[in-house]
Amino acid sequence: MVTVIKRGSTNEQIKAELDRHDKKRKKKGIELSKYLGSINLKEDPLKLQKKWRNEWE
């Protein structure tokens, strides 16, 4: 998407045009905050990761 800002535009016009552009832009990705705190681990995550990686050897 392209936003054209003409010479002589005021700061208010530029801000309004950029705000309109931001509202049209689609957000990428997923909202990860809903998964925050959903896993309770008893061990250190780094130790678990190393253990799981060593299972393939």
PDB file of N, CA and C in Angstrom:
ATOM      1  N   MET A   1       0.843  -1.166   0.000  1.00  0.00           N
ATOM      2  CA  MET A   1       0.000   0.000   0.000  1.00  0.00           C
ATOM      3  C   MET A   1       0.891   1.233   0.000  1.00  0.00           C
ATOM      4  N   VAL A   2       0.503   2.216  -0.773  1.00  0.00           N
ATOM      5  CA  VAL A   2       1.281   3.441  -0.902  1.00  0.00           C
ATOM      6  C   VAL A   2       0.452   4.611  -0.399  1.00  0.00           C
ATOM      7  N   THR A   3       1.084   5.458   0.380  1.00  0.00           N
ATOM      8  CA  THR A   3       0.447   6.676   0.841  1.00  0.00           C
ATOM      9  C   THR A   3       1.161   7.848   0.189  1.00  0.00           C
ATOM     10  N   VAL A   4       0.424   8.684  -0.519  1.00  0.00           N
ATOM     11  CA  VAL A   4       1.001   9.829  -1.203  1.00  0.00           C
ATOM     12  C   VAL A   4       0.782  11.060  -0.346  1.00  0.00           C
ATOM     13  N   ILE A   5       1.871  11.731  -0.033  1.00  0.00           N
ATOM     14  CA  ILE A   5       1.802  12.977   0.728  1.00  0.00           C
ATOM     15  C   ILE A   5       2.256  14.086  -0.204  1.00  0.00           C
ATOM     16  N   LYS A   6       1.366  15.011  -0.464  1.00  0.00           N
ATOM     17  CA  LYS A   6       1.654  16.082  -1.408  1.00  0.00           C
ATOM     18  C   LYS A   6       2.418  17.213  -0.740  1.00  0.00           C
ATOM     19  N   ARG A   7       3.204  17.888  -1.546  1.00  0.00           N
ATOM     20  CA  ARG A   7       3.968  19.027  -1.069  1.00  0.00           C
ATOM     21  C   ARG A   7       2.994  20.105  -0.590  1.00  0.00           C
ATOM     22  N   GLY A   8       3.291  20.702   0.516  1.00  0.00           N
ATOM     23  CA  GLY A   8       2.437  21.748   1.060  1.00  0.00           C
ATOM     24  C   GLY A   8       1.404  21.235   2.039  1.00  0.00           C
ATOM     25  N   SER A   9       1.397  19.924   2.298  1.00  0.00           N
ATOM     26  CA  SER A   9       0.449  19.368   3.263  1.00  0.00           C
ATOM     27  C   SER A   9       0.832  19.810   4.664  1.00  0.00           C
ATOM     28  N   THR A  10      -0.174  20.034   5.480  1.00  0.00           N
ATOM     29  CA  THR A  10       0.097  20.434   6.860  1.00  0.00           C
ATOM     30  C   THR A  10       0.421  19.192   7.693  1.00  0.00           C
ATOM     31  N   ASN A  11       0.979  19.427   8.859  1.00  0.00           N
ATOM     32  CA  ASN A  11       1.319  18.317   9.747  1.00  0.00           C
ATOM     33  C   ASN A  11       0.078  17.518  10.132  1.00  0.00           C
ATOM     34  N   GLU A  12      -1.039  18.204  10.332  1.00  0.00           N
ATOM     35  CA  GLU A  12      -2.278  17.519  10.699  1.00  0.00           C
ATOM     36  C   GLU A  12      -2.762  16.613   9.568  1.00  0.00           C
ATOM     37  N   GLN A  13      -2.643  17.088   8.330  1.00  0.00           N
ATOM     38  CA  GLN A  13      -3.055  16.281   7.180  1.00  0.00           C
ATOM     39  C   GLN A  13      -2.167  15.054   7.038  1.00  0.00           C
ATOM     40  N   ILE A  14      -0.873  15.234   7.254  1.00  0.00           N
ATOM     41  CA  ILE A  14       0.068  14.117   7.146  1.00  0.00           C
ATOM     42  C   ILE A  14      -0.230  13.075   8.222  1.00  0.00           C
ATOM     43  N   LYS A  15      -0.436  13.522   9.460  1.00  0.00           N
ATOM     44  CA  LYS A  15      -0.737  12.593  10.552  1.00  0.00           C
ATOM     45  C   LYS A  15      -2.041  11.844  10.297  1.00  0.00           C
ATOM     46  N   ALA A  16      -3.050  12.553   9.785  1.00  0.00           N
ATOM     47  CA  ALA A  16      -4.335  11.914   9.492  1.00  0.00           C
ATOM     48  C   ALA A  16      -4.176  10.861   8.403  1.00  0.00           C
ATOM     49  N   GLU A  17      -3.400  11.167   7.383  1.00  0.00           N
ATOM     50  CA  GLU A  17      -3.175  10.222   6.287  1.00  0.00           C
ATOM     51  C   GLU A  17      -2.419   8.985   6.779  1.00  0.00           C
ATOM     52  N   LEU A  18      -1.424   9.182   7.623  1.00  0.00           N
ATOM     53  CA  LEU A  18      -0.662   8.050   8.154  1.00  0.00           C
ATOM     54  C   LEU A  18      -1.503   7.201   9.098  1.00  0.00           C
ATOM     55  N   ASP A  19      -2.356   7.833   9.896  1.00  0.00           N
ATOM     56  CA  ASP A  19      -3.257   7.082  10.781  1.00  0.00           C
ATOM     57  C   ASP A  19      -4.223   6.237   9.969  1.00  0.00           C
ATOM     58  N   ARG A  20      -4.753   6.814   8.885  1.00  0.00           N
ATOM     59  CA  ARG A  20      -5.663   6.068   8.025  1.00  0.00           C
ATOM     60  C   ARG A  20      -4.945   4.870   7.383  1.00  0.00           C
ATOM     61  N   HIS A  21      -3.697   5.075   7.015  1.00  0.00           N
ATOM     62  CA  HIS A  21      -2.896   4.004   6.429  1.00  0.00           C
ATOM     63  C   HIS A  21      -2.670   2.874   7.436  1.00  0.00           C
ATOM     64  N   ASP A  22      -2.383   3.214   8.680  1.00  0.00           N
ATOM     65  CA  ASP A  22      -2.141   2.209   9.723  1.00  0.00           C
ATOM     66  C   ASP A  22      -3.388   1.383  10.013  1.00  0.00           C
ATOM     67  N   LYS A  23      -4.553   2.005   9.960  1.00  0.00           N
ATOM     68  CA  LYS A  23      -5.789   1.284  10.240  1.00  0.00           C
ATOM     69  C   LYS A  23      -6.101   0.268   9.145  1.00  0.00           C
ATOM     70  N   LYS A  24      -5.707   0.559   7.915  1.00  0.00           N
ATOM     71  CA  LYS A  24      -5.979  -0.342   6.799  1.00  0.00           C
ATOM     72  C   LYS A  24      -5.009  -1.519   6.769  1.00  0.00           C
ATOM     73  N   ARG A  25      -3.827  -1.317   7.335  1.00  0.00           N
ATOM     74  CA  ARG A  25      -2.790  -2.344   7.277  1.00  0.00           C
ATOM     75  C   ARG A  25      -3.179  -3.544   8.134  1.00  0.00           C
ATOM     76  N   LYS A  26      -3.007  -4.734   7.577  1.00  0.00           N
ATOM     77  CA  LYS A  26      -3.330  -5.951   8.314  1.00  0.00           C
ATOM     78  C   LYS A  26      -2.218  -6.275   9.295  1.00  0.00           C
ATOM     79  N   LYS A  27      -2.607  -6.788  10.427  1.00  0.00           N
ATOM     80  CA  LYS A  27      -1.625  -7.209  11.421  1.00  0.00           C
ATOM     81  C   LYS A  27      -1.208  -8.640  11.124  1.00  0.00           C
ATOM     82  N   LYS A  28       0.086  -8.898  11.245  1.00  0.00           N
ATOM     83  CA  LYS A  28       0.612 -10.216  10.974  1.00  0.00           C
ATOM     84  C   LYS A  28       0.826 -10.972  12.275  1.00  0.00           C
ATOM     85  N   GLY A  29       0.777 -12.275  12.184  1.00  0.00           N
ATOM     86  CA  GLY A  29       1.070 -13.095  13.340  1.00  0.00           C
ATOM     87  C   GLY A  29      -0.150 -13.391  14.178  1.00  0.00           C
ATOM     88  N   ILE A  30       0.112 -13.948  15.338  1.00  0.00           N
ATOM     89  CA  ILE A  30      -0.958 -14.312  16.254  1.00  0.00           C
ATOM     90  C   ILE A  30      -0.721 -13.628  17.597  1.00  0.00           C
ATOM     91  N   GLU A  31      -1.745 -13.557  18.385  1.00  0.00           N
ATOM     92  CA  GLU A  31      -1.649 -12.947  19.702  1.00  0.00           C
ATOM     93  C   GLU A  31      -1.157 -13.998  20.694  1.00  0.00           C
ATOM     94  N   LEU A  32       0.088 -13.873  21.134  1.00  0.00           N
ATOM     95  CA  LEU A  32       0.691 -14.867  22.015  1.00  0.00           C
ATOM     96  C   LEU A  32       0.400 -14.619  23.492  1.00  0.00           C
ATOM     97  N   SER A  33      -0.081 -13.454  23.834  1.00  0.00           N
ATOM     98  CA  SER A  33      -0.307 -13.150  25.247  1.00  0.00           C
ATOM     99  C   SER A  33      -1.382 -14.033  25.860  1.00  0.00           C
ATOM    100  N   LYS A  34      -2.266 -14.610  25.034  1.00  0.00           N
ATOM    101  CA  LYS A  34      -3.298 -15.483  25.599  1.00  0.00           C
ATOM    102  C   LYS A  34      -2.717 -16.805  26.100  1.00  0.00           C
ATOM    103  N   TYR A  35      -1.499 -17.144  25.677  1.00  0.00           N
ATOM    104  CA  TYR A  35      -0.854 -18.372  26.115  1.00  0.00           C
ATOM    105  C   TYR A  35       0.088 -18.153  27.292  1.00  0.00           C
ATOM    106  N   LEU A  36       0.222 -16.934  27.741  1.00  0.00           N
ATOM    107  CA  LEU A  36       1.131 -16.601  28.827  1.00  0.00           C
ATOM    108  C   LEU A  36       0.727 -17.322  30.111  1.00  0.00           C
ATOM    109  N   GLY A  37       1.643 -18.078  30.674  1.00  0.00           N
ATOM    110  CA  GLY A  37       1.393 -18.769  31.925  1.00  0.00           C
ATOM    111  C   GLY A  37       0.592 -20.045  31.792  1.00  0.00           C
ATOM    112  N   SER A  38       0.414 -20.555  30.577  1.00  0.00           N
ATOM    113  CA  SER A  38      -0.417 -21.748  30.401  1.00  0.00           C
ATOM    114  C   SER A  38       0.348 -23.040  30.676  1.00  0.00           C
ATOM    115  N   ILE A  39       1.681 -22.962  30.752  1.00  0.00           N
ATOM    116  CA  ILE A  39       2.485 -24.159  31.018  1.00  0.00           C
ATOM    117  C   ILE A  39       3.211 -23.963  32.352  1.00  0.00           C
ATOM    118  N   ASN A  40       3.075 -24.934  33.218  1.00  0.00           N
ATOM    119  CA  ASN A  40       3.788 -24.909  34.486  1.00  0.00           C
ATOM    120  C   ASN A  40       4.828 -26.018  34.455  1.00  0.00           C
ATOM    121  N   LEU A  41       6.101 -25.645  34.431  1.00  0.00           N
ATOM    122  CA  LEU A  41       7.186 -26.614  34.354  1.00  0.00           C
ATOM    123  C   LEU A  41       7.796 -26.832  35.735  1.00  0.00           C
ATOM    124  N   LYS A  42       8.151 -28.088  36.011  1.00  0.00           N
ATOM    125  CA  LYS A  42       8.787 -28.416  37.286  1.00  0.00           C
ATOM    126  C   LYS A  42      10.302 -28.313  37.180  1.00  0.00           C
ATOM    127  N   GLU A  43      10.840 -28.452  35.941  1.00  0.00           N
ATOM    128  CA  GLU A  43      12.286 -28.397  35.720  1.00  0.00           C
ATOM    129  C   GLU A  43      12.668 -27.109  34.997  1.00  0.00           C
ATOM    130  N   ASP A  44      13.967 -26.870  34.959  1.00  0.00           N
ATOM    131  CA  ASP A  44      14.494 -25.725  34.233  1.00  0.00           C
ATOM    132  C   ASP A  44      14.281 -25.943  32.726  1.00  0.00           C
ATOM    133  N   PRO A  45      13.689 -24.997  32.012  1.00  0.00           N
ATOM    134  CA  PRO A  45      13.416 -25.172  30.585  1.00  0.00           C
ATOM    135  C   PRO A  45      14.668 -25.467  29.755  1.00  0.00           C
ATOM    136  N   LEU A  46      15.802 -24.880  30.107  1.00  0.00           N
ATOM    137  CA  LEU A  46      17.030 -25.131  29.351  1.00  0.00           C
ATOM    138  C   LEU A  46      17.495 -26.570  29.529  1.00  0.00           C
ATOM    139  N   LYS A  47      17.385 -27.104  30.743  1.00  0.00           N
ATOM    140  CA  LYS A  47      17.760 -28.497  30.993  1.00  0.00           C
ATOM    141  C   LYS A  47      16.826 -29.446  30.240  1.00  0.00           C
ATOM    142  N   LEU A  48      15.543 -29.133  30.230  1.00  0.00           N
ATOM    143  CA  LEU A  48      14.587 -29.952  29.480  1.00  0.00           C
ATOM    144  C   LEU A  48      14.917 -29.967  27.995  1.00  0.00           C
ATOM    145  N   GLN A  49      15.235 -28.815  27.445  1.00  0.00           N
ATOM    146  CA  GLN A  49      15.555 -28.717  26.032  1.00  0.00           C
ATOM    147  C   GLN A  49      16.787 -29.552  25.688  1.00  0.00           C
ATOM    148  N   LYS A  50      17.822 -29.449  26.508  1.00  0.00           N
ATOM    149  CA  LYS A  50      19.030 -30.238  26.259  1.00  0.00           C
ATOM    150  C   LYS A  50      18.739 -31.729  26.368  1.00  0.00           C
ATOM    151  N   LYS A  51      17.918 -32.120  27.337  1.00  0.00           N
ATOM    152  CA  LYS A  51      17.556 -33.522  27.509  1.00  0.00           C
ATOM    153  C   LYS A  51      16.796 -34.036  26.289  1.00  0.00           C
ATOM    154  N   TRP A  52      15.839 -33.245  25.805  1.00  0.00           N
ATOM    155  CA  TRP A  52      15.040 -33.654  24.651  1.00  0.00           C
ATOM    156  C   TRP A  52      15.893 -33.738  23.379  1.00  0.00           C
ATOM    157  N   ARG A  53      16.856 -32.855  23.245  1.00  0.00           N
ATOM    158  CA  ARG A  53      17.723 -32.891  22.067  1.00  0.00           C
ATOM    159  C   ARG A  53      18.650 -34.105  22.108  1.00  0.00           C
ATOM    160  N   ASN A  54      19.088 -34.494  23.309  1.00  0.00           N
ATOM    161  CA  ASN A  54      19.995 -35.625  23.437  1.00  0.00           C
ATOM    162  C   ASN A  54      19.294 -36.967  23.281  1.00  0.00           C
ATOM    163  N   GLU A  55      17.973 -36.992  23.291  1.00  0.00           N
ATOM    164  CA  GLU A  55      17.246 -38.244  23.114  1.00  0.00           C
ATOM    165  C   GLU A  55      17.444 -38.820  21.719  1.00  0.00           C
ATOM    166  N   TRP A  56      17.797 -38.002  20.757  1.00  0.00           N
ATOM    167  CA  TRP A  56      17.925 -38.451  19.369  1.00  0.00           C
ATOM    168  C   TRP A  56      19.303 -39.066  19.110  1.00  0.00           C
ATOM    169  N   GLU A  57      20.215 -38.977  20.021  1.00  0.00           N
ATOM    170  CA  GLU A  57      21.560 -39.523  19.801  1.00  0.00           C
ATOM    171  C   GLU A  57      21.634 -40.988  20.129  1.00  0.00           C
TER     172      GLU A  57
END
